[in-house]
């Protein structure tokens, strides 16, 4: 079996699409399909059922997936060991993160790391979703919930706080907000309930029961911008709100505390490039810890 064909098979299995695998690998669709055919011929078994909506693995494909992932792990371990003998940091590291942390903290901090290492490509994916390390969607993942299963390396990155905010213009144009009761009837800027991907986002229910009126926005950045524009009130990350002096923190008794967890795969964690990203993120968060928690 040709390992390069197996690598293509892994990409198809993980994306569930020939086109998706082609994009991930930087190949054209026809090449991926042809190499998959070649692998099936070599294995003398049908590995993938191809549908108009994507691909699913056959029982033989599931068996090969397990073996191919074990082989991939060994290659990665060997690569990490060999890379440890060189001084440079190069290659690509993809980090998946919640959009609040990604946009309001990691974008600047990881950009500085990339600027210092011209041969290192850092790919930051700051989206309101979860990422799979086992499917190699990212090399490092930051989550809102601590994983309870899987062969993963997990460390707590930091706690952070969220509070109720409105813009100064909004407050000047509406009745004063002196306490929780004054929030009643206000337009509440919050996440789209159908897209909530973590139980840690349940803080929105605290204001939803008070206001009744909602403007739902699928990203933290969108929520911050809506509150800045004077649309209404919202629960915002304190470290993000601190960047905008026009945002006013309200009702200090309503405050939420959540955590960020940094997760990596044991097969890649020790590679120089992944270790450098983890060390840099951890050090910068430690240095700015006071900004993440507002008393």
Protein backbone atom coordinates (compact mmCIF):
# COMPACT_ATOMS: atom_id res chain seq x y z
CA UNK A 1 0.00 0.00 0.00
CA UNK A 2 1.29 3.44 -0.98
CA UNK A 3 1.34 5.73 2.09
CA UNK A 4 0.52 8.76 -0.05
CA UNK A 5 -2.67 7.01 -1.19
CA UNK A 6 -3.46 6.18 2.44
CA UNK A 7 -2.97 9.86 3.32
CA UNK A 8 -5.52 10.80 0.66
CA UNK A 9 -7.90 8.16 2.01
CA UNK A 10 -7.55 9.69 5.50
CA UNK A 11 -8.47 13.12 4.15
CA UNK A 12 -11.56 11.71 2.40
CA UNK A 13 -12.60 9.85 5.56
CA UNK A 14 -12.20 12.95 7.71
CA UNK A 15 -13.91 15.44 5.42
CA UNK A 16 -16.57 13.06 4.13
CA UNK A 17 -16.02 14.44 0.64
CA UNK A 18 -13.65 13.91 -2.24
CA UNK A 19 -13.83 17.63 -3.02
CA UNK A 20 -13.23 18.52 0.63
CA UNK A 21 -10.21 16.22 0.74
CA UNK A 22 -8.88 17.76 -2.47
CA UNK A 23 -9.12 21.24 -0.99
CA UNK A 24 -7.44 20.17 2.23
CA UNK A 25 -4.56 18.50 0.39
CA UNK A 26 -4.16 21.10 -2.34
CA UNK A 27 -4.97 18.59 -5.08
CA UNK A 28 -7.61 18.55 -7.77
CA UNK A 29 -10.79 16.53 -7.44
CA UNK A 30 -9.88 14.08 -10.22
CA UNK A 31 -6.51 13.26 -8.69
CA UNK A 32 -8.06 12.42 -5.31
CA UNK A 33 -10.71 10.22 -6.94
CA UNK A 34 -8.11 8.44 -9.05
CA UNK A 35 -5.79 7.80 -6.09
CA UNK A 36 -8.69 6.50 -4.06
CA UNK A 37 -9.52 4.09 -6.88
CA UNK A 38 -5.91 2.96 -6.90
CA UNK A 39 -5.93 2.31 -3.18
CA UNK A 40 -9.13 0.29 -3.41
CA UNK A 41 -7.58 -1.76 -6.20
CA UNK A 42 -4.45 -2.36 -4.14
CA UNK A 43 -6.49 -3.36 -1.08
CA UNK A 44 -8.89 -5.45 -3.22
CA UNK A 45 -11.80 -3.96 -1.30
CA UNK A 46 -14.29 -1.13 -1.66
CA UNK A 47 -13.38 1.43 0.99
CA UNK A 48 -15.73 4.33 0.30
CA UNK A 49 -19.33 4.60 -0.83
CA UNK A 50 -19.61 7.70 -3.02
CA UNK A 51 -22.88 9.64 -2.97
CA UNK A 52 -23.93 12.94 -4.50
CA UNK A 53 -23.91 14.46 -1.00
CA UNK A 54 -20.52 13.05 0.07
CA UNK A 55 -18.76 9.85 1.04
CA UNK A 56 -19.25 7.23 3.73
CA UNK A 57 -16.85 4.47 4.73
CA UNK A 58 -17.63 0.83 4.12
CA UNK A 59 -16.80 -1.74 6.85
CA UNK A 60 -13.49 -2.31 5.05
CA UNK A 61 -12.92 1.44 5.02
CA UNK A 62 -13.55 1.65 8.77
CA UNK A 63 -10.97 -1.09 9.33
CA UNK A 64 -8.42 0.68 7.15
CA UNK A 65 -9.13 4.01 8.85
CA UNK A 66 -8.08 2.58 12.22
CA UNK A 67 -4.87 1.14 10.78
CA UNK A 68 -4.07 4.29 8.77
CA UNK A 69 -4.52 6.52 11.81
CA UNK A 70 -2.12 4.31 13.80
CA UNK A 71 0.41 4.57 11.00
CA UNK A 72 -0.08 8.33 10.80
CA UNK A 73 0.54 8.62 14.54
CA UNK A 74 3.85 6.79 14.18
CA UNK A 75 4.92 9.04 11.32
CA UNK A 76 4.06 12.11 13.39
CA UNK A 77 5.99 10.84 16.40
CA UNK A 78 9.02 10.10 14.22
CA UNK A 79 8.75 13.55 12.64
CA UNK A 80 8.59 15.19 16.05
CA UNK A 81 11.69 13.32 17.21
CA UNK A 82 13.65 14.24 14.10
CA UNK A 83 12.49 17.86 14.18
CA UNK A 84 13.75 18.12 17.73
CA UNK A 85 17.31 17.88 16.43
CA UNK A 86 16.99 21.09 14.42
CA UNK A 87 16.97 24.64 15.73
CA UNK A 88 14.44 26.29 13.41
CA UNK A 89 10.68 26.48 13.75
CA UNK A 90 8.94 25.86 10.46
CA UNK A 91 5.87 24.24 8.98
CA UNK A 92 2.18 24.88 9.48
CA UNK A 93 0.19 24.96 12.72
CA UNK A 94 -3.57 25.39 12.70
CA UNK A 95 -5.26 26.54 15.90
CA UNK A 96 -9.03 26.45 16.32
CA UNK A 97 -10.53 28.76 18.92
CA UNK A 98 -13.82 30.36 20.00
CA UNK A 99 -14.37 33.51 18.00
CA UNK A 100 -14.24 35.81 21.01
CA UNK A 101 -10.78 34.70 22.10
CA UNK A 102 -9.62 34.22 18.54
CA UNK A 103 -10.55 37.66 17.30
CA UNK A 104 -9.97 39.77 20.40
CA UNK A 105 -6.77 38.15 21.68
CA UNK A 106 -5.19 35.40 19.61
CA UNK A 107 -5.20 37.24 16.28
CA UNK A 108 -2.75 39.83 17.57
CA UNK A 109 -0.70 37.48 19.75
CA UNK A 110 -0.28 34.71 17.17
CA UNK A 111 0.44 37.33 14.53
CA UNK A 112 3.43 38.43 16.61
CA UNK A 113 4.67 34.85 16.80
CA UNK A 114 4.35 34.42 13.04
CA UNK A 115 6.24 37.66 12.47
CA UNK A 116 9.19 36.34 14.49
CA UNK A 117 9.40 33.04 12.59
CA UNK A 118 9.35 33.54 8.81
CA UNK A 119 9.23 29.78 8.12
CA UNK A 120 6.28 29.18 10.44
CA UNK A 121 2.77 29.39 9.00
CA UNK A 122 0.17 29.92 11.74
CA UNK A 123 -3.44 29.35 10.69
CA UNK A 124 -5.90 30.82 13.19
CA UNK A 125 -9.50 29.65 12.77
CA UNK A 126 -11.63 31.77 15.14
CA UNK A 127 -15.13 30.38 14.64
CA UNK A 128 -18.12 29.71 16.93
CA UNK A 129 -17.89 25.93 16.58
CA UNK A 130 -16.01 22.89 17.85
CA UNK A 131 -12.93 21.38 16.21
CA UNK A 132 -11.82 17.76 16.01
CA UNK A 133 -8.19 16.90 16.71
CA UNK A 134 -8.73 13.27 15.73
CA UNK A 135 -9.88 14.37 12.27
CA UNK A 136 -6.88 16.75 12.09
CA UNK A 137 -9.13 19.79 11.70
CA UNK A 138 -6.58 21.62 13.87
CA UNK A 139 -3.28 20.97 15.65
CA UNK A 140 -4.26 22.93 18.75
CA UNK A 141 -7.81 23.60 19.92
CA UNK A 142 -9.12 25.95 22.58
CA UNK A 143 -12.55 25.02 23.91
CA UNK A 144 -15.09 26.24 26.42
CA UNK A 145 -15.69 22.76 27.85
CA UNK A 146 -13.09 20.40 29.22
CA UNK A 147 -13.08 17.14 27.23
CA UNK A 148 -13.99 14.05 29.21
CA UNK A 149 -12.87 11.41 26.71
CA UNK A 150 -10.35 10.80 23.97
CA UNK A 151 -6.58 10.51 23.83
CA UNK A 152 -5.87 14.20 24.30
CA UNK A 153 -3.51 16.53 26.14
CA UNK A 154 -5.60 19.01 28.13
CA UNK A 155 -4.60 22.04 30.19
CA UNK A 156 -6.62 24.89 31.62
CA UNK A 157 -5.67 28.10 29.88
CA UNK A 158 -7.54 30.64 32.00
CA UNK A 159 -10.84 31.64 33.54
CA UNK A 160 -12.57 34.63 32.02
CA UNK A 161 -15.55 36.79 32.91
CA UNK A 162 -18.55 38.25 31.09
CA UNK A 163 -20.80 41.12 32.12
CA UNK A 164 -23.80 43.12 30.92
CA UNK A 165 -22.91 46.06 28.66
CA UNK A 166 -24.54 48.86 26.72
CA UNK A 167 -23.09 51.76 24.78
CA UNK A 168 -22.89 55.25 26.28
CA UNK A 169 -25.16 56.55 23.47
CA UNK A 170 -27.76 53.89 24.22
CA UNK A 171 -27.74 54.75 27.92
CA UNK A 172 -28.08 58.48 27.17
CA UNK A 173 -31.18 57.84 25.04
CA UNK A 174 -33.03 55.39 27.31
CA UNK A 175 -34.25 55.28 30.91
CA UNK A 176 -31.45 54.67 33.42
CA UNK A 177 -30.35 51.15 34.35
CA UNK A 178 -29.71 50.99 38.09
CA UNK A 179 -30.43 47.34 38.74
CA UNK A 180 -31.62 44.06 37.32
CA UNK A 181 -35.27 45.17 37.20
CA UNK A 182 -34.37 48.01 34.81
CA UNK A 183 -33.33 45.48 32.16
CA UNK A 184 -36.95 44.42 31.62
CA UNK A 185 -38.22 45.12 28.12
CA UNK A 186 -34.79 45.98 26.68
CA UNK A 187 -33.63 44.49 23.40
CA UNK A 188 -31.15 41.76 24.31
CA UNK A 189 -28.28 41.13 21.90
CA UNK A 190 -27.30 37.47 22.14
CA UNK A 191 -26.20 34.39 20.21
CA UNK A 192 -28.38 32.45 17.78
CA UNK A 193 -29.86 29.69 19.92
CA UNK A 194 -29.84 27.12 17.12
CA UNK A 195 -26.08 27.61 16.70
CA UNK A 196 -25.05 27.34 20.35
CA UNK A 197 -22.28 24.74 20.39
CA UNK A 198 -21.30 24.68 24.08
CA UNK A 199 -23.10 24.40 27.39
CA UNK A 200 -20.81 27.18 28.63
CA UNK A 201 -22.90 29.63 26.59
CA UNK A 202 -25.96 29.13 28.78
CA UNK A 203 -25.43 32.52 30.46
CA UNK A 204 -27.75 34.11 27.89
CA UNK A 205 -30.74 32.55 29.64
CA UNK A 206 -30.18 34.85 32.61
CA UNK A 207 -31.15 37.94 30.63
CA UNK A 208 -33.54 36.22 28.25
CA UNK A 209 -36.01 35.67 31.08
CA UNK A 210 -35.88 39.39 31.90
CA UNK A 211 -35.98 41.09 28.53
CA UNK A 212 -38.11 38.91 26.29
CA UNK A 213 -36.93 40.79 23.20
CA UNK A 214 -33.88 39.45 21.38
CA UNK A 215 -31.58 40.27 18.54
CA UNK A 216 -29.59 37.11 17.81
CA UNK A 217 -26.17 37.26 16.20
CA UNK A 218 -24.04 34.21 15.45
CA UNK A 219 -20.64 35.59 16.43
CA UNK A 220 -19.12 37.36 19.42
CA UNK A 221 -17.76 40.09 17.13
CA UNK A 222 -21.25 40.72 15.76
CA UNK A 223 -22.71 40.94 19.24
CA UNK A 224 -20.05 43.42 20.35
CA UNK A 225 -20.61 45.57 17.27
CA UNK A 226 -24.38 45.56 17.74
CA UNK A 227 -24.06 46.69 21.36
CA UNK A 228 -21.53 49.34 20.35
CA UNK A 229 -24.02 50.61 17.76
CA UNK A 230 -26.62 51.21 20.49
CA UNK A 231 -28.97 48.42 19.42
CA UNK A 232 -29.53 47.21 22.97
CA UNK A 233 -27.81 45.47 25.87
CA UNK A 234 -25.70 42.33 25.75
CA UNK A 235 -23.58 39.94 27.76
CA UNK A 236 -20.05 40.48 26.47
CA UNK A 237 -16.59 39.16 27.28
CA UNK A 238 -14.99 41.69 29.62
CA UNK A 239 -11.63 41.48 27.85
CA UNK A 240 -13.32 42.27 24.52
CA UNK A 241 -15.47 45.10 25.89
CA UNK A 242 -12.40 46.71 27.47
CA UNK A 243 -11.16 47.53 23.97
CA UNK A 244 -14.09 49.89 23.43
CA UNK A 245 -14.35 52.83 25.86
CA UNK A 246 -17.89 53.61 24.69
CA UNK A 247 -19.12 50.35 26.27
CA UNK A 248 -20.38 50.68 29.82
CA UNK A 249 -20.50 47.76 32.25
CA UNK A 250 -23.89 47.51 33.96
CA UNK A 251 -25.49 45.70 36.90
CA UNK A 252 -22.27 44.31 38.44
CA UNK A 253 -24.19 41.64 40.36
CA UNK A 254 -24.87 39.92 37.02
CA UNK A 255 -21.53 38.41 36.15
CA UNK A 256 -20.45 35.13 34.60
CA UNK A 257 -17.25 33.16 34.91
CA UNK A 258 -16.18 30.60 32.33
CA UNK A 259 -12.98 28.80 31.34
CA UNK A 260 -10.82 28.21 28.29
CA UNK A 261 -9.15 24.81 27.84
CA UNK A 262 -6.18 24.25 25.55
CA UNK A 263 -6.18 20.83 23.90
CA UNK A 264 -3.60 19.15 21.70
CA UNK A 265 -2.95 15.67 20.36
CA UNK A 266 -0.17 13.63 21.99
CA UNK A 267 1.17 12.63 18.56
CA UNK A 268 1.87 16.22 17.50
CA UNK A 269 2.22 18.18 20.74
CA UNK A 270 5.98 17.73 20.92
CA UNK A 271 6.76 18.90 17.40
CA UNK A 272 8.71 22.13 17.61
CA UNK A 273 6.14 24.18 15.74
CA UNK A 274 3.15 22.98 17.79
CA UNK A 275 5.07 23.24 21.06
CA UNK A 276 6.08 26.81 20.15
CA UNK A 277 2.48 27.83 19.52
CA UNK A 278 1.27 26.24 22.76
CA UNK A 279 4.06 27.87 24.78
CA UNK A 280 3.44 31.27 23.21
CA UNK A 281 -0.33 31.20 23.77
CA UNK A 282 0.07 29.97 27.36
CA UNK A 283 2.69 32.61 28.19
CA UNK A 284 0.70 35.49 26.69
CA UNK A 285 -2.48 34.46 28.47
CA UNK A 286 -0.59 34.25 31.77
CA UNK A 287 0.82 37.72 31.19
CA UNK A 288 -2.64 39.18 30.48
CA UNK A 289 -4.60 37.17 33.04
CA UNK A 290 -5.93 40.25 34.82
CA UNK A 291 -7.61 41.38 31.61
CA UNK A 292 -9.59 38.14 31.38
CA UNK A 293 -11.20 38.43 34.81
CA UNK A 294 -13.00 41.59 35.93
CA UNK A 295 -13.93 41.67 39.59
